[in-house]
Amino acid sequence: MTEESPKKRGVKQEINRLLAWKKEDIASYPIISVEITDIVAWRDRRVSEGKAASTYI
């Protein structure tokens, strides 16, 4: 977030997306342990909240 995001044109959107992800339980998992079922559960929860499956925030 501090090294790569500032180099991008959409820095503001990128940082907002990363901050939103950091609030999720899955953000505390070691990346090696994240499984497709974790991503599917996250997506399904977001959809049940009325958000589009592709919406990050």
Protein backbone atom coordinates (compact mmCIF):
# COMPACT_ATOMS: atom_id res chain seq x y z
CA MET A 1 0.00 0.00 0.00
CA THR A 2 2.84 2.40 0.74
CA GLU A 3 5.30 1.16 -1.89
CA GLU A 4 3.32 0.13 -4.97
CA SER A 5 -0.05 1.87 -4.72
CA PRO A 6 1.36 5.42 -5.07
CA LYS A 7 2.87 4.41 -8.43
CA LYS A 8 -0.56 3.64 -9.89
CA ARG A 9 -2.95 6.03 -11.60
CA GLY A 10 -5.87 4.94 -9.42
CA VAL A 11 -3.96 5.31 -6.15
CA LYS A 12 -6.99 6.54 -4.19
CA GLN A 13 -9.21 3.66 -5.32
CA GLU A 14 -6.40 1.14 -4.76
CA ILE A 15 -5.84 2.29 -1.18
CA ASN A 16 -9.58 2.25 -0.45
CA ARG A 17 -9.80 -1.30 -1.81
CA LEU A 18 -6.85 -2.45 0.31
CA LEU A 19 -8.23 -0.81 3.45
CA ALA A 20 -11.57 -2.54 2.87
CA TRP A 21 -9.83 -5.92 2.47
CA LYS A 22 -7.84 -5.34 5.67
CA LYS A 23 -11.12 -5.20 7.61
CA GLU A 24 -12.08 -8.71 6.49
CA ASP A 25 -11.34 -11.78 8.66
CA ILE A 26 -9.62 -13.39 5.71
CA ALA A 27 -6.96 -10.64 5.76
CA SER A 28 -5.45 -12.17 8.89
CA TYR A 29 -4.89 -15.55 7.19
CA PRO A 30 -1.42 -16.36 5.86
CA ILE A 31 -1.79 -16.15 2.08
CA ILE A 32 -0.67 -19.76 1.68
CA SER A 33 -3.63 -20.93 3.77
CA VAL A 34 -6.36 -19.06 1.84
CA GLU A 35 -8.48 -21.57 -0.02
CA ILE A 36 -11.11 -21.17 -2.69
CA THR A 37 -13.79 -21.99 -0.12
CA ASP A 38 -12.69 -18.92 1.87
CA ILE A 39 -13.06 -16.69 -1.18
CA VAL A 40 -16.43 -18.23 -2.09
CA ALA A 41 -17.71 -17.71 1.47
CA TRP A 42 -16.55 -14.08 1.38
CA ARG A 43 -18.25 -13.51 -1.99
CA ASP A 44 -21.48 -15.19 -0.86
CA ARG A 45 -21.60 -13.11 2.31
CA ARG A 46 -21.13 -9.92 0.28
CA VAL A 47 -23.93 -10.93 -2.11
CA SER A 48 -26.24 -11.69 0.83
CA GLU A 49 -25.54 -8.13 2.05
CA GLY A 50 -26.87 -6.82 -1.25
CA LYS A 51 -23.48 -6.07 -2.80
CA ALA A 52 -22.45 -7.20 -6.28
CA ALA A 53 -20.14 -10.21 -6.31
CA SER A 54 -17.47 -8.13 -8.03
CA THR A 55 -17.70 -5.14 -5.67
CA TYR A 56 -14.76 -4.78 -3.29
CA ILE A 57 -16.02 -2.06 -1.02
